[in-house]
Amino acid sequence: MIRILIVDDQNIVRQGLKALLEPKPDLKVVGTADKGKSALEQVKYLQHDLVLIDIEMPGMNGITATRKICQLSPTTKVFVLTSHEEAKCVAKALQAGVKGYLLKHTLADDLEKAIWSTYHGYSQIVSKLLE
């Protein structure tokens, strides 16, 4: 079972991801957060294996939150969701400790496959994004 924390500043995205993932066998959403700060609190107290985080959040941006999550919980896999493929953004995410990267408008089945691959240690960062 993979325990997942979802972090996104938009409630509709958090609830949509939760609705997509909850019916999947062996995936469990253990919490959601709307800000980097609230995500850090949940990382401290929830048992989780993977964090899905939007790196385009206002306030404590997703890159800063990702870096802090990776420092706070080094065994946690961090998987970034974003709405664009900007190479600079990918590089910042990699430097912060991200293990996977996926566009928000991807198909539900692709998200599930990416989560499992990231959980098992296979990089989901598409090489063309790094060019």
N, C-alpha and C. Protein backbone atom coordinates (compact mmCIF):
# COMPACT_ATOMS: atom_id res chain seq x y z
N MET A 1 0.85 -1.18 0.00
CA MET A 1 0.00 0.00 0.00
C MET A 1 0.89 1.24 0.00
N ILE A 2 0.59 2.18 -0.87
CA ILE A 2 1.29 3.46 -0.90
C ILE A 2 0.39 4.49 -0.24
N ARG A 3 0.92 5.14 0.80
CA ARG A 3 0.19 6.19 1.51
C ARG A 3 0.62 7.54 0.93
N ILE A 4 -0.36 8.33 0.49
CA ILE A 4 -0.09 9.55 -0.28
C ILE A 4 -0.62 10.79 0.42
N LEU A 5 0.20 11.83 0.41
CA LEU A 5 -0.21 13.17 0.85
C LEU A 5 -0.29 14.04 -0.41
N ILE A 6 -1.42 14.71 -0.61
CA ILE A 6 -1.64 15.57 -1.78
C ILE A 6 -1.51 17.02 -1.35
N VAL A 7 -0.68 17.80 -2.05
CA VAL A 7 -0.48 19.21 -1.73
C VAL A 7 -0.72 20.04 -2.99
N ASP A 8 -1.74 20.87 -2.95
CA ASP A 8 -2.07 21.76 -4.06
C ASP A 8 -2.87 22.92 -3.51
N ASP A 9 -2.64 24.12 -4.03
CA ASP A 9 -3.35 25.29 -3.50
C ASP A 9 -4.79 25.37 -3.97
N GLN A 10 -5.17 24.56 -4.95
CA GLN A 10 -6.55 24.58 -5.46
C GLN A 10 -7.33 23.39 -4.91
N ASN A 11 -8.39 23.67 -4.19
CA ASN A 11 -9.21 22.62 -3.59
C ASN A 11 -9.76 21.65 -4.64
N ILE A 12 -10.17 22.18 -5.78
CA ILE A 12 -10.74 21.31 -6.82
C ILE A 12 -9.71 20.29 -7.31
N VAL A 13 -8.45 20.69 -7.38
CA VAL A 13 -7.39 19.77 -7.81
C VAL A 13 -7.15 18.73 -6.71
N ARG A 14 -7.05 19.18 -5.45
CA ARG A 14 -6.86 18.23 -4.34
C ARG A 14 -7.97 17.19 -4.30
N GLN A 15 -9.21 17.66 -4.39
CA GLN A 15 -10.34 16.74 -4.31
C GLN A 15 -10.41 15.83 -5.54
N GLY A 16 -10.06 16.37 -6.70
CA GLY A 16 -10.04 15.56 -7.92
C GLY A 16 -9.01 14.45 -7.85
N LEU A 17 -7.81 14.79 -7.39
CA LEU A 17 -6.76 13.77 -7.24
C LEU A 17 -7.16 12.72 -6.21
N LYS A 18 -7.73 13.18 -5.12
CA LYS A 18 -8.18 12.26 -4.08
C LYS A 18 -9.24 11.30 -4.64
N ALA A 19 -10.19 11.84 -5.40
CA ALA A 19 -11.25 11.01 -5.99
C ALA A 19 -10.68 10.01 -7.00
N LEU A 20 -9.64 10.41 -7.73
CA LEU A 20 -9.01 9.50 -8.70
C LEU A 20 -8.25 8.38 -8.01
N LEU A 21 -7.58 8.70 -6.91
CA LEU A 21 -6.68 7.74 -6.27
C LEU A 21 -7.34 6.82 -5.26
N GLU A 22 -8.35 7.32 -4.55
CA GLU A 22 -8.93 6.51 -3.47
C GLU A 22 -9.50 5.17 -3.92
N PRO A 23 -10.17 5.08 -5.08
CA PRO A 23 -10.70 3.77 -5.46
C PRO A 23 -9.64 2.77 -5.95
N LYS A 24 -8.42 3.24 -6.15
CA LYS A 24 -7.37 2.36 -6.66
C LYS A 24 -6.89 1.43 -5.56
N PRO A 25 -6.78 0.15 -5.88
CA PRO A 25 -6.28 -0.79 -4.87
C PRO A 25 -4.83 -0.45 -4.52
N ASP A 26 -4.52 -0.55 -3.28
CA ASP A 26 -3.17 -0.33 -2.76
C ASP A 26 -2.68 1.11 -2.82
N LEU A 27 -3.57 2.07 -3.05
CA LEU A 27 -3.23 3.48 -2.94
C LEU A 27 -4.17 4.09 -1.91
N LYS A 28 -3.61 4.85 -0.96
CA LYS A 28 -4.44 5.45 0.07
C LYS A 28 -4.03 6.90 0.29
N VAL A 29 -4.97 7.81 0.14
CA VAL A 29 -4.71 9.22 0.42
C VAL A 29 -4.85 9.41 1.93
N VAL A 30 -3.73 9.76 2.59
CA VAL A 30 -3.75 9.91 4.05
C VAL A 30 -3.97 11.35 4.47
N GLY A 31 -3.88 12.29 3.52
CA GLY A 31 -4.10 13.69 3.84
C GLY A 31 -3.98 14.58 2.63
N THR A 32 -4.49 15.80 2.79
CA THR A 32 -4.34 16.83 1.76
C THR A 32 -3.93 18.12 2.45
N ALA A 33 -3.22 18.96 1.72
CA ALA A 33 -2.79 20.25 2.25
C ALA A 33 -2.89 21.29 1.15
N ASP A 34 -3.21 22.53 1.54
CA ASP A 34 -3.37 23.57 0.54
C ASP A 34 -2.17 24.51 0.46
N LYS A 35 -1.20 24.34 1.34
CA LYS A 35 -0.02 25.21 1.35
C LYS A 35 1.20 24.39 1.74
N GLY A 36 2.35 24.92 1.39
CA GLY A 36 3.60 24.27 1.78
C GLY A 36 3.72 24.15 3.28
N LYS A 37 3.31 25.19 4.00
CA LYS A 37 3.42 25.19 5.46
C LYS A 37 2.56 24.08 6.08
N SER A 38 1.32 23.96 5.62
CA SER A 38 0.46 22.90 6.16
C SER A 38 0.95 21.52 5.73
N ALA A 39 1.57 21.44 4.56
CA ALA A 39 2.14 20.17 4.11
C ALA A 39 3.27 19.73 5.04
N LEU A 40 4.11 20.67 5.43
CA LEU A 40 5.22 20.34 6.33
C LEU A 40 4.72 19.81 7.66
N GLU A 41 3.65 20.40 8.18
CA GLU A 41 3.06 19.91 9.42
C GLU A 41 2.58 18.48 9.26
N GLN A 42 1.91 18.19 8.16
CA GLN A 42 1.40 16.84 7.94
C GLN A 42 2.52 15.84 7.71
N VAL A 43 3.60 16.27 7.06
CA VAL A 43 4.74 15.38 6.85
C VAL A 43 5.30 14.94 8.20
N LYS A 44 5.28 15.83 9.17
CA LYS A 44 5.79 15.49 10.51
C LYS A 44 4.92 14.45 11.21
N TYR A 45 3.61 14.49 11.00
CA TYR A 45 2.69 13.69 11.81
C TYR A 45 2.00 12.53 11.11
N LEU A 46 1.88 12.59 9.80
CA LEU A 46 1.20 11.50 9.08
C LEU A 46 2.19 10.44 8.64
N GLN A 47 1.73 9.22 8.59
CA GLN A 47 2.54 8.17 7.98
C GLN A 47 2.24 8.19 6.49
N HIS A 48 3.26 8.47 5.71
CA HIS A 48 3.08 8.59 4.26
C HIS A 48 4.31 8.02 3.56
N ASP A 49 4.12 7.66 2.31
CA ASP A 49 5.22 7.13 1.51
C ASP A 49 5.57 8.06 0.35
N LEU A 50 4.58 8.83 -0.09
CA LEU A 50 4.75 9.65 -1.27
C LEU A 50 3.97 10.95 -1.12
N VAL A 51 4.57 12.05 -1.55
CA VAL A 51 3.90 13.35 -1.54
C VAL A 51 3.72 13.79 -2.99
N LEU A 52 2.46 14.06 -3.37
CA LEU A 52 2.17 14.68 -4.67
C LEU A 52 2.07 16.17 -4.40
N ILE A 53 2.91 16.97 -5.03
CA ILE A 53 2.93 18.40 -4.72
C ILE A 53 2.94 19.25 -5.98
N ASP A 54 2.15 20.30 -5.97
CA ASP A 54 2.13 21.28 -7.05
C ASP A 54 3.27 22.26 -6.79
N ILE A 55 4.18 22.41 -7.74
CA ILE A 55 5.32 23.30 -7.52
C ILE A 55 5.01 24.75 -7.89
N GLU A 56 3.79 25.03 -8.27
CA GLU A 56 3.43 26.39 -8.66
C GLU A 56 2.54 27.08 -7.62
N MET A 57 2.65 26.67 -6.38
CA MET A 57 1.81 27.25 -5.33
C MET A 57 2.32 28.62 -4.92
N PRO A 58 1.40 29.51 -4.55
CA PRO A 58 1.83 30.81 -4.00
C PRO A 58 2.28 30.65 -2.55
N GLY A 59 2.75 31.72 -1.98
CA GLY A 59 3.22 31.65 -0.58
C GLY A 59 4.52 30.88 -0.53
N MET A 60 4.59 29.86 0.31
CA MET A 60 5.76 28.98 0.31
C MET A 60 5.63 28.14 -0.94
N ASN A 61 6.37 28.48 -1.96
CA ASN A 61 6.18 27.79 -3.23
C ASN A 61 6.52 26.31 -3.13
N GLY A 62 6.10 25.58 -4.12
CA GLY A 62 6.26 24.14 -4.11
C GLY A 62 7.71 23.68 -4.10
N ILE A 63 8.60 24.45 -4.74
CA ILE A 63 10.02 24.08 -4.74
C ILE A 63 10.58 24.18 -3.32
N THR A 64 10.28 25.28 -2.64
CA THR A 64 10.75 25.45 -1.26
C THR A 64 10.16 24.37 -0.36
N ALA A 65 8.86 24.13 -0.50
CA ALA A 65 8.20 23.10 0.30
C ALA A 65 8.79 21.73 0.00
N THR A 66 9.03 21.45 -1.27
CA THR A 66 9.61 20.16 -1.67
C THR A 66 10.98 19.97 -1.03
N ARG A 67 11.81 20.99 -1.10
CA ARG A 67 13.15 20.92 -0.50
C ARG A 67 13.04 20.61 1.00
N LYS A 68 12.14 21.29 1.68
CA LYS A 68 11.98 21.09 3.13
C LYS A 68 11.41 19.71 3.44
N ILE A 69 10.47 19.23 2.63
CA ILE A 69 9.91 17.90 2.82
C ILE A 69 11.00 16.84 2.66
N CYS A 70 11.85 17.00 1.64
CA CYS A 70 12.93 16.05 1.41
C CYS A 70 13.93 16.05 2.57
N GLN A 71 14.17 17.21 3.17
CA GLN A 71 15.07 17.29 4.32
C GLN A 71 14.42 16.68 5.56
N LEU A 72 13.15 16.97 5.76
CA LEU A 72 12.43 16.51 6.94
C LEU A 72 12.19 15.01 6.93
N SER A 73 11.93 14.48 5.76
CA SER A 73 11.56 13.07 5.61
C SER A 73 12.29 12.46 4.41
N PRO A 74 13.57 12.13 4.56
CA PRO A 74 14.37 11.68 3.43
C PRO A 74 13.89 10.39 2.75
N THR A 75 13.11 9.58 3.44
CA THR A 75 12.63 8.34 2.81
C THR A 75 11.36 8.56 1.99
N THR A 76 10.76 9.73 2.12
CA THR A 76 9.55 10.04 1.36
C THR A 76 9.90 10.30 -0.10
N LYS A 77 9.13 9.73 -0.99
CA LYS A 77 9.27 10.02 -2.42
C LYS A 77 8.41 11.25 -2.70
N VAL A 78 8.98 12.23 -3.37
CA VAL A 78 8.24 13.44 -3.70
C VAL A 78 8.00 13.46 -5.20
N PHE A 79 6.75 13.64 -5.55
CA PHE A 79 6.31 13.61 -6.94
C PHE A 79 5.66 14.94 -7.27
N VAL A 80 6.18 15.64 -8.25
CA VAL A 80 5.73 16.97 -8.60
C VAL A 80 4.66 16.94 -9.67
N LEU A 81 3.63 17.76 -9.46
CA LEU A 81 2.61 18.00 -10.47
C LEU A 81 2.75 19.45 -10.92
N THR A 82 2.63 19.69 -12.19
CA THR A 82 2.72 21.05 -12.71
C THR A 82 1.86 21.17 -13.96
N SER A 83 1.59 22.39 -14.36
CA SER A 83 0.77 22.59 -15.56
C SER A 83 1.61 22.95 -16.78
N HIS A 84 2.94 22.99 -16.64
CA HIS A 84 3.78 23.29 -17.80
C HIS A 84 5.07 22.47 -17.75
N GLU A 85 5.80 22.47 -18.86
CA GLU A 85 7.00 21.66 -19.00
C GLU A 85 8.28 22.49 -19.04
N GLU A 86 8.30 23.61 -18.41
CA GLU A 86 9.46 24.49 -18.47
C GLU A 86 10.69 23.79 -17.89
N ALA A 87 11.76 23.72 -18.68
CA ALA A 87 12.98 23.02 -18.26
C ALA A 87 13.57 23.60 -16.98
N LYS A 88 13.50 24.91 -16.80
CA LYS A 88 14.02 25.56 -15.60
C LYS A 88 13.29 25.04 -14.36
N CYS A 89 11.99 24.86 -14.50
CA CYS A 89 11.17 24.36 -13.41
C CYS A 89 11.55 22.91 -13.07
N VAL A 90 11.79 22.11 -14.09
CA VAL A 90 12.20 20.72 -13.88
C VAL A 90 13.55 20.67 -13.16
N ALA A 91 14.48 21.52 -13.59
CA ALA A 91 15.80 21.55 -12.96
C ALA A 91 15.69 21.92 -11.48
N LYS A 92 14.87 22.92 -11.16
CA LYS A 92 14.69 23.32 -9.77
C LYS A 92 14.08 22.18 -8.95
N ALA A 93 13.13 21.48 -9.54
CA ALA A 93 12.49 20.36 -8.85
C ALA A 93 13.51 19.25 -8.57
N LEU A 94 14.34 18.94 -9.55
CA LEU A 94 15.38 17.91 -9.37
C LEU A 94 16.34 18.31 -8.25
N GLN A 95 16.75 19.56 -8.26
CA GLN A 95 17.67 20.03 -7.22
C GLN A 95 17.03 19.97 -5.83
N ALA A 96 15.73 20.11 -5.78
CA ALA A 96 15.02 20.07 -4.50
C ALA A 96 14.85 18.64 -3.98
N GLY A 97 15.05 17.64 -4.83
CA GLY A 97 14.96 16.25 -4.40
C GLY A 97 13.80 15.46 -4.96
N VAL A 98 13.17 15.98 -6.00
CA VAL A 98 12.02 15.32 -6.60
C VAL A 98 12.41 13.99 -7.24
N LYS A 99 11.53 13.00 -7.12
CA LYS A 99 11.77 11.68 -7.72
C LYS A 99 10.91 11.46 -8.96
N GLY A 100 9.86 12.24 -9.13
CA GLY A 100 8.98 12.10 -10.29
C GLY A 100 8.37 13.42 -10.66
N TYR A 101 7.91 13.53 -11.90
CA TYR A 101 7.42 14.79 -12.43
C TYR A 101 6.34 14.47 -13.45
N LEU A 102 5.17 15.10 -13.32
CA LEU A 102 4.08 14.81 -14.25
C LEU A 102 3.23 16.05 -14.45
N LEU A 103 2.72 16.21 -15.66
CA LEU A 103 1.82 17.33 -15.94
C LEU A 103 0.45 17.05 -15.35
N LYS A 104 -0.22 18.11 -14.87
CA LYS A 104 -1.52 17.95 -14.22
C LYS A 104 -2.60 17.39 -15.15
N HIS A 105 -2.51 17.68 -16.43
CA HIS A 105 -3.57 17.25 -17.34
C HIS A 105 -3.37 15.83 -17.87
N THR A 106 -2.59 15.05 -17.18
CA THR A 106 -2.33 13.68 -17.61
C THR A 106 -3.54 12.78 -17.31
N LEU A 107 -3.56 11.62 -17.91
CA LEU A 107 -4.64 10.66 -17.69
C LEU A 107 -4.50 9.99 -16.32
N ALA A 108 -5.60 9.60 -15.75
CA ALA A 108 -5.60 8.97 -14.43
C ALA A 108 -4.73 7.71 -14.38
N ASP A 109 -4.80 6.89 -15.43
CA ASP A 109 -3.99 5.67 -15.46
C ASP A 109 -2.50 5.99 -15.50
N ASP A 110 -2.14 7.06 -16.21
CA ASP A 110 -0.74 7.47 -16.26
C ASP A 110 -0.26 7.93 -14.88
N LEU A 111 -1.12 8.61 -14.16
CA LEU A 111 -0.78 9.06 -12.81
C LEU A 111 -0.52 7.86 -11.90
N GLU A 112 -1.41 6.88 -11.95
CA GLU A 112 -1.23 5.69 -11.12
C GLU A 112 0.07 4.97 -11.46
N LYS A 113 0.35 4.79 -12.75
CA LYS A 113 1.60 4.13 -13.17
C LYS A 113 2.81 4.92 -12.69
N ALA A 114 2.75 6.24 -12.82
CA ALA A 114 3.86 7.09 -12.40
C ALA A 114 4.09 7.00 -10.89
N ILE A 115 3.02 6.95 -10.13
CA ILE A 115 3.13 6.83 -8.67
C ILE A 115 3.83 5.51 -8.31
N TRP A 116 3.39 4.42 -8.91
CA TRP A 116 4.00 3.12 -8.62
C TRP A 116 5.47 3.09 -9.05
N SER A 117 5.78 3.63 -10.22
CA SER A 117 7.17 3.65 -10.68
C SER A 117 8.05 4.47 -9.76
N THR A 118 7.56 5.63 -9.34
CA THR A 118 8.32 6.49 -8.44
C THR A 118 8.52 5.79 -7.10
N TYR A 119 7.47 5.17 -6.59
CA TYR A 119 7.53 4.46 -5.32
C TYR A 119 8.60 3.36 -5.35
N HIS A 120 8.71 2.69 -6.49
CA HIS A 120 9.68 1.61 -6.62
C HIS A 120 11.06 2.10 -7.07
N GLY A 121 11.24 3.42 -7.17
CA GLY A 121 12.56 3.97 -7.43
C GLY A 121 12.90 4.22 -8.88
N TYR A 122 11.93 4.11 -9.77
CA TYR A 122 12.20 4.40 -11.18
C TYR A 122 11.86 5.85 -11.45
N SER A 123 12.78 6.56 -12.07
CA SER A 123 12.56 7.97 -12.36
C SER A 123 11.44 8.15 -13.38
N GLN A 124 10.57 9.11 -13.11
CA GLN A 124 9.48 9.43 -14.02
C GLN A 124 9.71 10.79 -14.67
N ILE A 125 10.93 11.24 -14.69
CA ILE A 125 11.22 12.54 -15.28
C ILE A 125 11.56 12.32 -16.75
N VAL A 126 10.74 12.88 -17.58
CA VAL A 126 10.84 12.66 -19.02
C VAL A 126 12.09 13.38 -19.54
N SER A 127 12.91 12.65 -20.30
CA SER A 127 14.19 13.20 -20.74
C SER A 127 14.04 14.44 -21.60
N LYS A 128 13.00 14.51 -22.40
CA LYS A 128 12.86 15.69 -23.27
C LYS A 128 12.68 16.96 -22.44
N LEU A 129 12.20 16.84 -21.21
CA LEU A 129 12.04 18.02 -20.36
C LEU A 129 13.40 18.56 -19.93
N LEU A 130 14.40 17.72 -19.94
CA LEU A 130 15.71 18.14 -19.47
C LEU A 130 16.58 18.70 -20.58
N GLU A 131 16.14 18.59 -21.82
CA GLU A 131 16.93 19.08 -22.96
C GLU A 131 16.96 20.59 -23.01
